[in-house]
Amino acid sequence: MSSKENLKEMFSEWNELNLKAQESMGQFDFSNIKKIRENQKTLEDAIYEILKKNAPENIIEIIPEDCGEMEVGFDTEGDKFYFVMMDPETVDEEELKLIAITIDIDKNISMIKNFTIED
C-alpha cells in the first residue's frame, strides 16, 4: 500500500473518529471521548511524521519536533489536514499570529501565514 493510500485512509479514519467524538460529546460520554482522542492522537502523530519527511526546508526549520500542542483539523472538502501553530516571527509581538501547515493525500505541503480559525 502506498503512502498516498495510507494518508487517505488516515484522514478518513481521523474524520470518522471526530464524528464519533462529537456524538459522544452530545451524550456526555467523556470516557469514550478520551478513548477516541487517544486514537486520533496516534493518527495525528503518524500524519505529522509523514509531513515532516516531505516538507520543504523552510517549513522544517519552523515546525516543532512533534505536533504535541498544535491544533489540528481536517478539511473534508479539500482532503487537507491542518497543523496550526503560533507564528514564530510574532512571538515577541503584542499580537500573536497563527500559521497553518497543511498536507493533502498527495503529500503536497503548504504553509498558510496569518491563519484564522473559523467556527
N, C-alpha and C. Protein backbone atom coordinates (compact mmCIF):
# COMPACT_ATOMS: atom_id res chain seq x y z
N MET A 1 0.85 -1.19 0.00
CA MET A 1 0.00 0.00 0.00
C MET A 1 0.89 1.24 0.00
N SER A 2 0.58 2.21 -0.82
CA SER A 2 1.41 3.41 -0.93
C SER A 2 1.09 4.39 0.20
N SER A 3 2.02 5.33 0.41
CA SER A 3 1.80 6.37 1.43
C SER A 3 0.57 7.19 1.13
N LYS A 4 0.34 7.42 -0.19
CA LYS A 4 -0.83 8.21 -0.58
C LYS A 4 -2.10 7.53 -0.09
N GLU A 5 -2.20 6.21 -0.31
CA GLU A 5 -3.36 5.48 0.17
C GLU A 5 -3.42 5.51 1.69
N ASN A 6 -2.28 5.39 2.35
CA ASN A 6 -2.26 5.45 3.80
C ASN A 6 -2.78 6.79 4.30
N LEU A 7 -2.34 7.89 3.68
CA LEU A 7 -2.83 9.20 4.10
C LEU A 7 -4.33 9.30 3.92
N LYS A 8 -4.82 8.86 2.79
CA LYS A 8 -6.26 8.93 2.56
C LYS A 8 -7.01 8.13 3.63
N GLU A 9 -6.51 6.94 3.94
CA GLU A 9 -7.14 6.12 4.99
C GLU A 9 -7.02 6.79 6.36
N MET A 10 -5.85 7.37 6.66
CA MET A 10 -5.67 8.03 7.95
C MET A 10 -6.59 9.23 8.08
N PHE A 11 -6.72 10.02 7.01
CA PHE A 11 -7.62 11.17 7.03
C PHE A 11 -9.05 10.71 7.29
N SER A 12 -9.46 9.68 6.58
CA SER A 12 -10.82 9.17 6.71
C SER A 12 -11.07 8.63 8.12
N GLU A 13 -10.11 7.88 8.64
CA GLU A 13 -10.27 7.32 9.99
C GLU A 13 -10.32 8.44 11.03
N TRP A 14 -9.45 9.45 10.89
CA TRP A 14 -9.44 10.57 11.83
C TRP A 14 -10.80 11.27 11.81
N ASN A 15 -11.33 11.50 10.61
CA ASN A 15 -12.61 12.19 10.48
C ASN A 15 -13.75 11.36 11.09
N GLU A 16 -13.74 10.05 10.87
CA GLU A 16 -14.75 9.19 11.48
C GLU A 16 -14.68 9.26 13.00
N LEU A 17 -13.46 9.23 13.53
CA LEU A 17 -13.30 9.36 14.98
C LEU A 17 -13.80 10.71 15.47
N ASN A 18 -13.57 11.75 14.70
CA ASN A 18 -14.02 13.09 15.07
C ASN A 18 -15.55 13.13 15.15
N LEU A 19 -16.21 12.49 14.20
CA LEU A 19 -17.68 12.44 14.23
C LEU A 19 -18.17 11.66 15.45
N LYS A 20 -17.48 10.57 15.79
CA LYS A 20 -17.85 9.79 16.97
C LYS A 20 -17.63 10.60 18.25
N ALA A 21 -16.56 11.39 18.28
CA ALA A 21 -16.30 12.23 19.45
C ALA A 21 -17.40 13.26 19.63
N GLN A 22 -17.84 13.86 18.53
CA GLN A 22 -18.93 14.84 18.61
C GLN A 22 -20.20 14.19 19.13
N GLU A 23 -20.48 12.98 18.66
CA GLU A 23 -21.66 12.25 19.12
C GLU A 23 -21.56 11.95 20.61
N SER A 24 -20.38 11.49 21.04
CA SER A 24 -20.17 11.19 22.46
C SER A 24 -20.25 12.44 23.32
N MET A 25 -19.79 13.57 22.77
CA MET A 25 -19.86 14.83 23.50
C MET A 25 -21.32 15.19 23.76
N GLY A 26 -22.16 14.99 22.77
CA GLY A 26 -23.59 15.27 22.93
C GLY A 26 -24.24 14.38 23.97
N GLN A 27 -23.65 13.20 24.18
CA GLN A 27 -24.18 12.26 25.17
C GLN A 27 -23.43 12.36 26.51
N PHE A 28 -22.49 13.28 26.60
CA PHE A 28 -21.66 13.47 27.80
C PHE A 28 -20.92 12.20 28.19
N ASP A 29 -20.50 11.42 27.18
CA ASP A 29 -19.77 10.17 27.41
C ASP A 29 -18.27 10.46 27.37
N PHE A 30 -17.77 11.04 28.45
CA PHE A 30 -16.39 11.53 28.47
C PHE A 30 -15.35 10.41 28.46
N SER A 31 -15.68 9.25 28.99
CA SER A 31 -14.71 8.15 28.95
C SER A 31 -14.51 7.68 27.50
N ASN A 32 -15.57 7.68 26.72
CA ASN A 32 -15.46 7.30 25.32
C ASN A 32 -14.71 8.39 24.53
N ILE A 33 -14.95 9.64 24.85
CA ILE A 33 -14.25 10.74 24.18
C ILE A 33 -12.75 10.62 24.42
N LYS A 34 -12.36 10.27 25.63
CA LYS A 34 -10.94 10.11 25.95
C LYS A 34 -10.32 9.01 25.09
N LYS A 35 -11.01 7.88 24.94
CA LYS A 35 -10.50 6.79 24.10
C LYS A 35 -10.40 7.22 22.64
N ILE A 36 -11.42 7.91 22.16
CA ILE A 36 -11.42 8.38 20.77
C ILE A 36 -10.26 9.34 20.54
N ARG A 37 -10.06 10.27 21.48
CA ARG A 37 -8.97 11.26 21.33
C ARG A 37 -7.60 10.57 21.33
N GLU A 38 -7.44 9.49 22.10
CA GLU A 38 -6.17 8.76 22.09
C GLU A 38 -5.91 8.18 20.70
N ASN A 39 -6.96 7.63 20.08
CA ASN A 39 -6.82 7.09 18.72
C ASN A 39 -6.54 8.20 17.71
N GLN A 40 -7.22 9.33 17.87
CA GLN A 40 -6.97 10.46 16.98
C GLN A 40 -5.52 10.95 17.13
N LYS A 41 -5.05 11.02 18.36
CA LYS A 41 -3.68 11.49 18.62
C LYS A 41 -2.66 10.59 17.91
N THR A 42 -2.88 9.28 17.94
CA THR A 42 -1.98 8.35 17.25
C THR A 42 -1.97 8.64 15.75
N LEU A 43 -3.14 8.89 15.18
CA LEU A 43 -3.22 9.22 13.75
C LEU A 43 -2.56 10.57 13.46
N GLU A 44 -2.79 11.55 14.32
CA GLU A 44 -2.18 12.88 14.15
C GLU A 44 -0.67 12.77 14.14
N ASP A 45 -0.13 11.99 15.07
CA ASP A 45 1.33 11.80 15.13
C ASP A 45 1.86 11.16 13.85
N ALA A 46 1.16 10.15 13.34
CA ALA A 46 1.59 9.46 12.12
C ALA A 46 1.54 10.40 10.91
N ILE A 47 0.49 11.19 10.81
CA ILE A 47 0.36 12.14 9.71
C ILE A 47 1.45 13.20 9.81
N TYR A 48 1.73 13.65 11.02
CA TYR A 48 2.78 14.66 11.23
C TYR A 48 4.15 14.13 10.82
N GLU A 49 4.41 12.87 11.10
CA GLU A 49 5.69 12.27 10.69
C GLU A 49 5.82 12.25 9.16
N ILE A 50 4.74 11.95 8.47
CA ILE A 50 4.76 11.99 7.00
C ILE A 50 4.99 13.41 6.53
N LEU A 51 4.34 14.37 7.18
CA LEU A 51 4.53 15.78 6.83
C LEU A 51 6.00 16.17 6.99
N LYS A 52 6.60 15.80 8.11
CA LYS A 52 8.00 16.18 8.37
C LYS A 52 8.94 15.56 7.33
N LYS A 53 8.67 14.34 6.91
CA LYS A 53 9.53 13.67 5.93
C LYS A 53 9.43 14.31 4.55
N ASN A 54 8.33 15.00 4.26
CA ASN A 54 8.10 15.53 2.93
C ASN A 54 8.08 17.05 2.84
N ALA A 55 8.24 17.73 3.97
CA ALA A 55 8.15 19.19 3.99
C ALA A 55 9.42 19.83 3.43
N PRO A 56 9.25 20.99 2.77
CA PRO A 56 10.43 21.73 2.32
C PRO A 56 11.19 22.31 3.51
N GLU A 57 12.43 22.66 3.28
CA GLU A 57 13.32 23.12 4.35
C GLU A 57 12.76 24.32 5.12
N ASN A 58 12.13 25.28 4.42
CA ASN A 58 11.62 26.47 5.12
C ASN A 58 10.54 26.12 6.14
N ILE A 59 9.83 25.02 5.93
CA ILE A 59 8.82 24.58 6.89
C ILE A 59 9.48 23.75 7.99
N ILE A 60 10.39 22.87 7.62
CA ILE A 60 11.11 22.05 8.61
C ILE A 60 11.76 22.93 9.66
N GLU A 61 12.30 24.07 9.23
CA GLU A 61 13.01 24.97 10.15
C GLU A 61 12.12 25.55 11.24
N ILE A 62 10.83 25.66 11.01
CA ILE A 62 9.97 26.34 11.99
C ILE A 62 9.03 25.43 12.75
N ILE A 63 8.81 24.21 12.26
CA ILE A 63 7.84 23.35 12.95
C ILE A 63 8.49 22.64 14.14
N PRO A 64 7.69 22.35 15.16
CA PRO A 64 8.23 21.63 16.32
C PRO A 64 8.54 20.17 15.98
N GLU A 65 9.29 19.54 16.85
CA GLU A 65 9.67 18.13 16.66
C GLU A 65 8.44 17.23 16.59
N ASP A 66 7.44 17.51 17.44
CA ASP A 66 6.20 16.73 17.37
C ASP A 66 5.01 17.68 17.38
N CYS A 67 3.85 17.15 17.07
CA CYS A 67 2.68 18.03 16.93
C CYS A 67 2.00 18.32 18.27
N GLY A 68 2.48 17.74 19.35
CA GLY A 68 2.01 17.93 20.71
C GLY A 68 0.93 18.94 20.96
N GLU A 69 1.30 20.19 21.10
CA GLU A 69 0.35 21.23 21.48
C GLU A 69 -0.29 21.95 20.29
N MET A 70 0.01 21.51 19.08
CA MET A 70 -0.56 22.16 17.91
C MET A 70 -2.05 21.82 17.80
N GLU A 71 -2.80 22.75 17.31
CA GLU A 71 -4.20 22.48 17.00
C GLU A 71 -4.23 21.76 15.65
N VAL A 72 -5.12 20.81 15.51
CA VAL A 72 -5.22 20.07 14.25
C VAL A 72 -6.65 20.14 13.74
N GLY A 73 -6.77 19.96 12.44
CA GLY A 73 -8.09 19.95 11.84
C GLY A 73 -8.03 19.28 10.49
N PHE A 74 -9.18 18.96 9.97
CA PHE A 74 -9.26 18.28 8.69
C PHE A 74 -10.33 18.94 7.84
N ASP A 75 -9.95 19.30 6.62
CA ASP A 75 -10.87 19.88 5.65
C ASP A 75 -11.37 18.74 4.77
N THR A 76 -12.61 18.31 4.98
CA THR A 76 -13.14 17.16 4.25
C THR A 76 -13.32 17.45 2.76
N GLU A 77 -13.61 18.71 2.43
CA GLU A 77 -13.81 19.05 1.02
C GLU A 77 -12.50 19.05 0.24
N GLY A 78 -11.44 19.53 0.87
CA GLY A 78 -10.16 19.62 0.18
C GLY A 78 -9.22 18.48 0.50
N ASP A 79 -9.67 17.53 1.33
CA ASP A 79 -8.81 16.43 1.78
C ASP A 79 -7.45 16.94 2.25
N LYS A 80 -7.49 17.94 3.14
CA LYS A 80 -6.27 18.52 3.72
C LYS A 80 -6.31 18.41 5.22
N PHE A 81 -5.17 18.07 5.78
CA PHE A 81 -5.02 18.02 7.22
C PHE A 81 -4.23 19.24 7.64
N TYR A 82 -4.67 19.93 8.69
CA TYR A 82 -4.06 21.17 9.15
C TYR A 82 -3.37 20.97 10.49
N PHE A 83 -2.17 21.53 10.62
CA PHE A 83 -1.47 21.64 11.90
C PHE A 83 -1.26 23.13 12.12
N VAL A 84 -1.85 23.67 13.18
CA VAL A 84 -1.85 25.11 13.43
C VAL A 84 -0.95 25.41 14.62
N MET A 85 -0.10 26.43 14.44
CA MET A 85 0.84 26.82 15.49
C MET A 85 1.00 28.34 15.50
N MET A 86 1.59 28.84 16.57
CA MET A 86 1.92 30.27 16.64
C MET A 86 3.02 30.56 15.63
N ASP A 87 2.90 31.70 14.97
CA ASP A 87 3.93 32.12 14.03
C ASP A 87 5.16 32.54 14.85
N PRO A 88 6.29 31.82 14.69
CA PRO A 88 7.46 32.16 15.50
C PRO A 88 7.98 33.58 15.25
N GLU A 89 7.63 34.17 14.12
CA GLU A 89 8.05 35.54 13.84
C GLU A 89 7.28 36.56 14.67
N THR A 90 6.15 36.16 15.26
CA THR A 90 5.34 37.11 16.03
C THR A 90 5.38 36.84 17.53
N VAL A 91 6.23 35.94 17.99
CA VAL A 91 6.27 35.56 19.40
C VAL A 91 6.54 36.77 20.30
N ASP A 92 7.39 37.68 19.87
CA ASP A 92 7.73 38.83 20.70
C ASP A 92 6.82 40.04 20.46
N GLU A 93 5.86 39.89 19.57
CA GLU A 93 4.96 41.00 19.26
C GLU A 93 3.72 40.93 20.15
N GLU A 94 3.04 42.06 20.24
CA GLU A 94 1.84 42.13 21.06
C GLU A 94 0.73 41.23 20.54
N GLU A 95 0.56 41.23 19.23
CA GLU A 95 -0.50 40.41 18.61
C GLU A 95 0.12 39.17 17.96
N LEU A 96 -0.12 38.02 18.57
CA LEU A 96 0.39 36.77 18.02
C LEU A 96 -0.43 36.38 16.80
N LYS A 97 0.23 35.79 15.82
CA LYS A 97 -0.45 35.32 14.62
C LYS A 97 -0.24 33.82 14.51
N LEU A 98 -1.11 33.21 13.73
CA LEU A 98 -1.05 31.77 13.55
C LEU A 98 -0.55 31.40 12.16
N ILE A 99 0.06 30.23 12.09
CA ILE A 99 0.46 29.63 10.82
C ILE A 99 -0.20 28.25 10.77
N ALA A 100 -0.71 27.89 9.61
CA ALA A 100 -1.21 26.52 9.42
C ALA A 100 -0.29 25.84 8.41
N ILE A 101 0.14 24.65 8.76
CA ILE A 101 0.90 23.81 7.84
C ILE A 101 -0.08 22.72 7.39
N THR A 102 -0.26 22.58 6.08
CA THR A 102 -1.23 21.62 5.58
C THR A 102 -0.54 20.51 4.79
N ILE A 103 -1.19 19.35 4.77
CA ILE A 103 -0.75 18.23 3.95
C ILE A 103 -2.00 17.60 3.35
N ASP A 104 -1.92 17.27 2.05
CA ASP A 104 -3.06 16.60 1.42
C ASP A 104 -2.69 15.15 1.09
N ILE A 105 -3.61 14.41 0.49
CA ILE A 105 -3.36 12.99 0.26
C ILE A 105 -2.24 12.74 -0.75
N ASP A 106 -1.90 13.76 -1.53
CA ASP A 106 -0.78 13.63 -2.48
C ASP A 106 0.54 14.06 -1.86
N LYS A 107 0.53 14.33 -0.56
CA LYS A 107 1.69 14.79 0.21
C LYS A 107 2.15 16.18 -0.21
N ASN A 108 1.23 16.98 -0.77
CA ASN A 108 1.53 18.38 -1.04
C ASN A 108 1.45 19.11 0.29
N ILE A 109 2.50 19.86 0.58
CA ILE A 109 2.59 20.55 1.87
C ILE A 109 2.67 22.05 1.61
N SER A 110 1.90 22.79 2.38
CA SER A 110 1.94 24.25 2.21
C SER A 110 1.83 24.92 3.58
N MET A 111 2.17 26.20 3.57
CA MET A 111 2.10 27.00 4.79
C MET A 111 1.16 28.17 4.54
N ILE A 112 0.23 28.38 5.47
CA ILE A 112 -0.69 29.49 5.38
C ILE A 112 -0.35 30.45 6.52
N LYS A 113 0.20 31.62 6.15
CA LYS A 113 0.52 32.63 7.17
C LYS A 113 -0.75 33.39 7.53
N ASN A 114 -0.76 33.99 8.71
CA ASN A 114 -1.91 34.76 9.20
C ASN A 114 -3.19 33.93 9.14
N PHE A 115 -3.07 32.68 9.54
CA PHE A 115 -4.20 31.74 9.50
C PHE A 115 -5.22 32.15 10.56
N THR A 116 -6.48 32.04 10.21
CA THR A 116 -7.56 32.29 11.17
C THR A 116 -8.41 31.04 11.30
N ILE A 117 -8.82 30.76 12.50
CA ILE A 117 -9.66 29.59 12.77
C ILE A 117 -11.11 30.04 12.70
N GLU A 118 -11.85 29.39 11.81
CA GLU A 118 -13.26 29.73 11.63
C GLU A 118 -14.10 28.73 12.38
N ASP A 119 -15.20 29.20 12.94
CA ASP A 119 -16.12 28.31 13.67
C ASP A 119 -17.03 27.60 12.71
